[in-house]
Amino acid sequence: MIKRKICLIGAYAVGKTSLVRRFVSGVFSEAYLTTVGVKIDQRATRLPDGREALLMIWDLAGRDEFEAVRKSYLSGASGFVFVADGTRRETLDAVAEEMAEIEPLYPGLPAVLLINKRDLSADWEIDESTLSAWRDRGLSVHLTSARTGEHVAEAFDDLAARMAGDAEKV
């Protein structure tokens, strides 16, 4: 079994913790719990080549909180899950800022972008042309809903498959 550390990055209240809970435990709660520092969960998943990977998922506090300490949590990451809230355009702008800071420190590491709260798509402030621009940058974009579970497992599995090429890294 290969082990990979994944860091979830995004502004506060985009649904990072809810996405992790949905992926790891299959549950969703309406209660909002602010992540303080970092929360670590794990889940095994099967890679496309049949190997099993243990994903160590680091759910980091939102960008707006604990900024100085947060960067140290990125050390040893094998991949990143950037998360934005489809109903709040500014959270996608925050992802762009995060990526600009992180990419030079961790060049070439696999990443996916999750636009969360798909169940509220009638209220979205992010349109398809904006998402196409992110895809044109080579980023895999997933429209997810932690509430319904839509595309959550697929997004994490996509990242796991992208990280599978570096099996020697633990």
Protein backbone atom coordinates (compact mmCIF):
# COMPACT_ATOMS: atom_id res chain seq x y z
CA MET A 1 0.00 0.00 0.00
CA ILE A 2 1.27 3.44 -0.85
CA LYS A 3 0.66 6.42 1.43
CA ARG A 4 -0.01 9.97 0.28
CA LYS A 5 -0.52 13.20 2.16
CA ILE A 6 -3.19 15.48 0.69
CA CYS A 7 -3.77 19.05 1.86
CA LEU A 8 -7.16 20.74 1.47
CA ILE A 9 -6.79 24.45 0.79
CA GLY A 10 -9.45 27.15 0.59
CA ALA A 11 -11.20 30.02 2.33
CA TYR A 12 -13.34 29.57 5.42
CA ALA A 13 -16.80 28.00 5.03
CA VAL A 14 -16.27 26.58 1.53
CA GLY A 15 -17.00 23.07 2.80
CA LYS A 16 -13.54 21.55 3.21
CA THR A 17 -14.41 19.70 6.42
CA SER A 18 -17.78 18.60 5.04
CA LEU A 19 -16.11 17.22 1.91
CA VAL A 20 -13.64 15.24 4.02
CA ARG A 21 -16.41 13.90 6.27
CA ARG A 22 -18.44 12.88 3.21
CA PHE A 23 -15.43 11.14 1.61
CA VAL A 24 -14.10 9.43 4.75
CA SER A 25 -17.32 8.62 6.64
CA GLY A 26 -20.11 9.10 4.10
CA VAL A 27 -21.92 11.62 6.30
CA PHE A 28 -22.96 15.26 6.10
CA SER A 29 -23.96 17.59 8.92
CA GLU A 30 -25.65 20.98 8.64
CA ALA A 31 -23.72 22.15 11.71
CA TYR A 32 -20.82 24.45 10.84
CA LEU A 33 -17.63 23.66 12.71
CA THR A 34 -14.63 25.91 12.19
CA THR A 35 -11.39 24.01 11.74
CA VAL A 36 -8.74 25.25 14.15
CA GLY A 37 -5.26 24.58 12.79
CA VAL A 38 -5.52 21.22 11.05
CA LYS A 39 -7.65 18.07 11.26
CA ILE A 40 -6.24 14.84 9.86
CA ASP A 41 -8.32 11.95 8.53
CA GLN A 42 -7.48 8.96 6.37
CA ARG A 43 -9.13 6.67 3.88
CA ALA A 44 -7.87 3.87 1.67
CA THR A 45 -8.81 3.94 -1.99
CA ARG A 46 -8.12 1.70 -4.97
CA LEU A 47 -6.01 3.15 -7.77
CA PRO A 48 -6.79 2.52 -11.45
CA ASP A 49 -3.88 0.04 -11.64
CA GLY A 50 -5.36 -2.01 -8.76
CA ARG A 51 -2.95 -0.88 -6.04
CA GLU A 52 -4.31 0.48 -2.81
CA ALA A 53 -3.43 3.94 -1.56
CA LEU A 54 -3.89 5.30 1.93
CA LEU A 55 -4.78 8.97 1.70
CA MET A 56 -3.79 11.05 4.71
CA ILE A 57 -6.10 14.06 4.35
CA TRP A 58 -5.02 17.26 6.07
CA ASP A 59 -7.97 19.62 6.39
CA LEU A 60 -6.37 23.02 6.98
CA ALA A 61 -8.10 25.97 8.61
CA GLY A 62 -9.44 28.51 6.13
CA ARG A 63 -7.03 31.00 4.60
CA ASP A 64 -8.37 33.77 6.78
CA GLU A 65 -7.39 32.06 10.02
CA PHE A 66 -4.01 31.02 11.47
CA GLU A 67 -2.11 32.05 8.32
CA ALA A 68 1.40 31.96 9.81
CA VAL A 69 1.18 28.40 11.16
CA ARG A 70 -0.73 26.97 8.21
CA LYS A 71 2.11 26.95 5.68
CA SER A 72 4.11 24.55 7.86
CA TYR A 73 1.31 21.99 7.49
CA LEU A 74 2.01 21.77 3.74
CA SER A 75 5.39 20.10 4.24
CA GLY A 76 5.49 16.57 2.84
CA ALA A 77 2.35 16.96 0.75
CA SER A 78 1.92 14.70 -2.27
CA GLY A 79 -1.03 16.63 -3.67
CA PHE A 80 -3.49 19.44 -3.09
CA VAL A 81 -7.25 19.76 -3.14
CA PHE A 82 -8.19 23.39 -3.69
CA VAL A 83 -11.78 24.13 -2.68
CA ALA A 84 -14.05 27.04 -3.59
CA ASP A 85 -17.71 27.68 -2.84
CA GLY A 86 -19.72 28.01 -6.05
CA THR A 87 -22.05 30.51 -4.38
CA ARG A 88 -19.19 32.87 -3.43
CA ARG A 89 -16.99 34.02 -6.33
CA GLU A 90 -14.42 35.53 -3.96
CA THR A 91 -13.54 32.03 -2.72
CA LEU A 92 -12.30 31.12 -6.21
CA ASP A 93 -10.22 34.29 -6.19
CA ALA A 94 -8.78 33.11 -2.85
CA VAL A 95 -7.85 29.78 -4.47
CA ALA A 96 -5.97 31.67 -7.19
CA GLU A 97 -4.01 33.54 -4.51
CA GLU A 98 -3.26 30.31 -2.63
CA MET A 99 -2.08 28.59 -5.79
CA ALA A 100 0.20 31.51 -6.64
CA GLU A 101 1.87 31.14 -3.23
CA ILE A 102 2.01 27.33 -3.13
CA GLU A 103 3.00 26.37 -6.69
CA PRO A 104 6.52 27.88 -6.51
CA LEU A 105 7.14 26.00 -3.24
CA TYR A 106 5.77 22.67 -4.53
CA PRO A 107 6.21 22.74 -8.31
CA GLY A 108 4.60 19.95 -10.26
CA LEU A 109 2.62 18.40 -7.41
CA PRO A 110 -0.76 17.08 -8.54
CA ALA A 111 -3.80 19.16 -7.67
CA VAL A 112 -7.53 19.23 -8.27
CA LEU A 113 -10.04 22.05 -7.91
CA LEU A 114 -13.37 21.37 -6.26
CA ILE A 115 -16.19 23.86 -6.73
CA ASN A 116 -18.40 22.84 -3.84
CA LYS A 117 -22.10 23.32 -3.04
CA ARG A 118 -23.34 21.94 -6.37
CA ASP A 119 -26.70 21.35 -4.69
CA LEU A 120 -27.06 25.17 -4.60
CA SER A 121 -26.17 25.68 -8.28
CA ALA A 122 -29.11 28.06 -8.80
CA ASP A 123 -27.24 30.49 -6.52
CA TRP A 124 -23.81 30.05 -8.09
CA GLU A 125 -21.65 33.06 -8.87
CA ILE A 126 -19.14 30.98 -10.88
CA ASP A 127 -20.01 30.29 -14.51
CA GLU A 128 -18.85 27.68 -17.00
CA SER A 129 -16.54 30.06 -18.89
CA THR A 130 -14.65 30.72 -15.66
CA LEU A 131 -14.33 26.99 -15.01
CA SER A 132 -13.12 26.44 -18.57
CA ALA A 133 -10.31 28.91 -17.96
CA TRP A 134 -9.20 26.84 -14.95
CA ARG A 135 -9.36 23.64 -17.01
CA ASP A 136 -7.31 25.34 -19.75
CA ARG A 137 -4.58 25.81 -17.14
CA GLY A 138 -4.41 22.02 -16.91
CA LEU A 139 -6.30 21.72 -13.62
CA SER A 140 -8.88 18.99 -13.11
CA VAL A 141 -12.11 20.70 -11.98
CA HIS A 142 -14.86 18.85 -10.11
CA LEU A 143 -18.29 20.25 -9.27
CA THR A 144 -19.08 18.70 -5.89
CA SER A 145 -21.70 18.67 -3.18
CA ALA A 146 -20.69 17.58 0.30
CA ARG A 147 -24.41 17.57 1.17
CA THR A 148 -25.45 15.05 -1.51
CA GLY A 149 -22.07 13.41 -2.06
CA GLU A 150 -22.11 14.30 -5.77
CA HIS A 151 -18.65 13.82 -7.33
CA VAL A 152 -16.85 13.87 -3.95
CA ALA A 153 -15.30 10.41 -4.12
CA GLU A 154 -14.50 10.89 -7.81
CA ALA A 155 -12.56 14.07 -7.04
CA PHE A 156 -10.41 12.43 -4.36
CA ASP A 157 -9.92 9.34 -6.52
CA ASP A 158 -8.85 11.58 -9.42
CA LEU A 159 -6.17 13.16 -7.24
CA ALA A 160 -5.05 9.74 -5.94
CA ALA A 161 -4.62 8.52 -9.51
CA ARG A 162 -2.62 11.65 -10.41
CA MET A 163 -0.31 11.04 -7.43
CA ALA A 164 0.14 7.32 -8.16
CA GLY A 165 3.07 7.85 -10.51
CA ASP A 166 5.46 8.64 -7.65
CA ALA A 167 5.12 5.40 -5.69
CA GLU A 168 8.53 5.75 -4.03
CA LYS A 169 7.44 8.87 -2.18
CA VAL A 170 5.77 8.17 1.17
